[in-house]
Amino acid sequence: MLNASHPDSSRGADREEIAEGPNPLGLEGVEFIEYATSKPQALGQVLETMGFKPVARHRSREVLLYRQGDINIIINAHAPDTVLSEKPMITAMALRVRDAAAAYRRALERGAWAVPARVAVMELNIPAIHGVGTSRIYFVDRHKEFSIFDVDFTPIPTVDQHPPAIAGLHFFGIVQYIGNDRTEDWTEFYSALFGFSALPPDERFGILPKGRILRSPDQSFYLQLIEPEPGVLDVEDDECLQRIGLGTPDVPATVAQLRLRGVEFVASKGPQLDSRGALTRTVMGSVMFELVHDERAQARGDDGAKPS
């Protein structure tokens, strides 16, 4: 998986700017998840049904920022390196780090493949590496009082820039579909580059406890790696970021609120499963959300924001 001899790898004294340890990149959570689609309005309606609000537009591209609580989702209808389709694809995730440049250099030293920067005038240069499939992983260190959205986006007038989250919803994790016998490869990728660690096989969340679950080094979110069912032909070309997991302290109450907004859920097989998690029905051919019971949400407050 890793290419330790990648020609863009940085060498020199600055390699020690990030100390080795349990959180080598200074990871501090997820800044945004990006979808690409040729039907941005339709996807926007799906997100609004889930409680997200459009809060800002990109200054020069057809890109919209949706938000609720501490969750940012970008809809990109301007993706020069991606063939846009009506079926939305998760094409990027941005990781919050203490120092984006240092995190980027360390990732390259460990064998990550750099994404060439294509920055227009008055835009930020956000370093990125290649992720699964055609996706990208960005490193963002402007995510507190001053964020990347303050530079590259224009707020939509009269819209609350920090809409509260429904029932304490917050980002819990992301599910990645991988090819046959690729679990160890991807585990190495995320552990070597970012410091993720695999959970014990008996530690599970939600109602779809398949594959391997990796925990971020700052323990703020999870990645779930899922191989094809046994007997399925190799589908390595179909590796992708498949769906977003949202945490909530009370799954049944959250489901009830979202149903009132028109969200449809896959029927569960019992009340115990209802309390552990829920899965929305697929819309637009690819978009679904997984709700996961997460006690940590109780410490965030009703708006889903992180405690200070």
Foldseek 3Di string as FASTA:
>chain_A
DFALVPPVADDDDLLPVFPDDLFRQQWDFWQAWEKEALCQVVVVVVVVLQPWDFWWAFPPAGKTWIDFQRYIYIYHPDDPVDDHYLQIAGAEIETEHQDQVNLLNNLVNRGFAWDDFDDDPQADTWTWTADAQNHIYTYFHQRPPGGNCVRGIDTDPPDDNHHFHAQLKDFAEWEKEAWPPCLVVVQCSCCSSGNWDWDPLVDAAADDSAAIKTAGSVRRYIYGYHYDDPPDPTDRNPIGGAATEIEHQFQLVSVVVSVVSPWAWDDDDDPVNSRAKTKTDDDSNGYIYIYGNDNVSVCQDRRNYRDD
